[in-house]
Amino acid sequence: MLRAEKRKFADQQRQIKAIKDHLFPGDGLQERIDNVSYYYAKWGRDFFDKLYQHSLNLEEEFVVIQER
């Protein structure tokens, strides 16, 4: 039972690390790695409108915008 619990914990840690690596590539902020021109080419002017609409003014929080 202890081995199964350790395996479950290791799997959860792996999943969390994968999400963190995706959101913070190279242990930095995504906007420091990815160029905004890719998103502009893919979604056009609407991309900037969505960013502005969902941005937090002075709060020090992250916002995740996902494609549907």
C-alpha atoms as a PDB file:
ATOM      1  CA  MET A   1       0.000   0.000   0.000  1.00  0.00           C
ATOM      2  CA  LEU A   2       2.887   2.353   0.773  1.00  0.00           C
ATOM      3  CA  ARG A   3       4.472   1.619  -2.611  1.00  0.00           C
ATOM      4  CA  ALA A   4       1.219   2.457  -4.388  1.00  0.00           C
ATOM      5  CA  GLU A   5       0.949   5.727  -2.481  1.00  0.00           C
ATOM      6  CA  LYS A   6       4.552   6.636  -3.373  1.00  0.00           C
ATOM      7  CA  ARG A   7       3.875   5.865  -7.044  1.00  0.00           C
ATOM      8  CA  LYS A   8       0.731   8.013  -6.989  1.00  0.00           C
ATOM      9  CA  PHE A   9       2.669  10.882  -5.381  1.00  0.00           C
ATOM     10  CA  ALA A  10       5.466  10.570  -7.976  1.00  0.00           C
ATOM     11  CA  ASP A  11       2.906  10.666 -10.810  1.00  0.00           C
ATOM     12  CA  GLN A  12       1.288  13.781  -9.350  1.00  0.00           C
ATOM     13  CA  GLN A  13       4.690  15.452  -8.993  1.00  0.00           C
ATOM     14  CA  ARG A  14       5.480  14.631 -12.642  1.00  0.00           C
ATOM     15  CA  GLN A  15       2.180  16.135 -13.792  1.00  0.00           C
ATOM     16  CA  ILE A  16       2.726  19.312 -11.780  1.00  0.00           C
ATOM     17  CA  LYS A  17       6.252  19.665 -13.173  1.00  0.00           C
ATOM     18  CA  ALA A  18       4.976  19.225 -16.752  1.00  0.00           C
ATOM     19  CA  ILE A  19       2.388  21.979 -16.252  1.00  0.00           C
ATOM     20  CA  LYS A  20       4.944  24.282 -14.623  1.00  0.00           C
ATOM     21  CA  ASP A  21       7.444  23.672 -17.453  1.00  0.00           C
ATOM     22  CA  HIS A  22       4.762  24.526 -19.990  1.00  0.00           C
ATOM     23  CA  LEU A  23       3.655  27.722 -18.245  1.00  0.00           C
ATOM     24  CA  PHE A  24       7.156  28.821 -17.196  1.00  0.00           C
ATOM     25  CA  PRO A  25       9.573  27.642 -19.923  1.00  0.00           C
ATOM     26  CA  GLY A  26      13.190  27.682 -18.769  1.00  0.00           C
ATOM     27  CA  ASP A  27      12.004  28.653 -15.263  1.00  0.00           C
ATOM     28  CA  GLY A  28      11.096  32.095 -16.607  1.00  0.00           C
ATOM     29  CA  LEU A  29       8.022  33.902 -17.781  1.00  0.00           C
ATOM     30  CA  GLN A  30       6.432  32.689 -21.011  1.00  0.00           C
ATOM     31  CA  GLU A  31       6.398  36.157 -22.573  1.00  0.00           C
ATOM     32  CA  ARG A  32      10.197  36.239 -22.233  1.00  0.00           C
ATOM     33  CA  ILE A  33      10.482  33.107 -24.403  1.00  0.00           C
ATOM     34  CA  ASP A  34       7.538  33.198 -26.841  1.00  0.00           C
ATOM     35  CA  ASN A  35       7.237  35.999 -29.343  1.00  0.00           C
ATOM     36  CA  VAL A  36       3.882  37.790 -29.485  1.00  0.00           C
ATOM     37  CA  SER A  37       4.001  37.857 -33.303  1.00  0.00           C
ATOM     38  CA  TYR A  38       3.141  34.126 -33.392  1.00  0.00           C
ATOM     39  CA  TYR A  39      -0.123  34.769 -31.557  1.00  0.00           C
ATOM     40  CA  TYR A  40      -0.865  37.877 -33.625  1.00  0.00           C
ATOM     41  CA  ALA A  41      -0.384  35.890 -36.846  1.00  0.00           C
ATOM     42  CA  LYS A  42      -2.635  33.113 -35.541  1.00  0.00           C
ATOM     43  CA  TRP A  43      -5.502  35.197 -34.066  1.00  0.00           C
ATOM     44  CA  GLY A  44      -4.996  38.715 -35.430  1.00  0.00           C
ATOM     45  CA  ARG A  45      -6.119  41.888 -33.697  1.00  0.00           C
ATOM     46  CA  ASP A  46      -8.609  39.957 -31.543  1.00  0.00           C
ATOM     47  CA  PHE A  47      -5.664  38.511 -29.623  1.00  0.00           C
ATOM     48  CA  PHE A  48      -4.678  41.936 -28.312  1.00  0.00           C
ATOM     49  CA  ASP A  49      -8.286  42.761 -27.491  1.00  0.00           C
ATOM     50  CA  LYS A  50      -8.558  39.540 -25.439  1.00  0.00           C
ATOM     51  CA  LEU A  51      -5.283  40.291 -23.648  1.00  0.00           C
ATOM     52  CA  TYR A  52      -6.492  43.764 -22.742  1.00  0.00           C
ATOM     53  CA  GLN A  53      -9.916  42.489 -21.689  1.00  0.00           C
ATOM     54  CA  HIS A  54      -8.481  39.817 -19.351  1.00  0.00           C
ATOM     55  CA  SER A  55      -5.472  41.693 -18.023  1.00  0.00           C
ATOM     56  CA  LEU A  56      -5.315  42.578 -14.366  1.00  0.00           C
ATOM     57  CA  ASN A  57      -4.392  46.197 -13.815  1.00  0.00           C
ATOM     58  CA  LEU A  58      -2.312  46.426 -10.662  1.00  0.00           C
ATOM     59  CA  GLU A  59      -2.776  42.993  -9.151  1.00  0.00           C
ATOM     60  CA  GLU A  60       0.310  40.823  -9.057  1.00  0.00           C
ATOM     61  CA  GLU A  61      -1.342  37.660 -10.356  1.00  0.00           C
ATOM     62  CA  PHE A  62      -1.049  35.466 -13.427  1.00  0.00           C
ATOM     63  CA  VAL A  63      -3.893  34.990 -15.862  1.00  0.00           C
ATOM     64  CA  VAL A  64      -4.130  31.916 -18.083  1.00  0.00           C
ATOM     65  CA  ILE A  65      -5.932  32.423 -21.378  1.00  0.00           C
ATOM     66  CA  GLN A  66      -6.687  29.221 -23.203  1.00  0.00           C
ATOM     67  CA  GLU A  67      -7.670  28.549 -26.772  1.00  0.00           C
ATOM     68  CA  ARG A  68     -10.994  26.838 -27.370  1.00  0.00           C
END
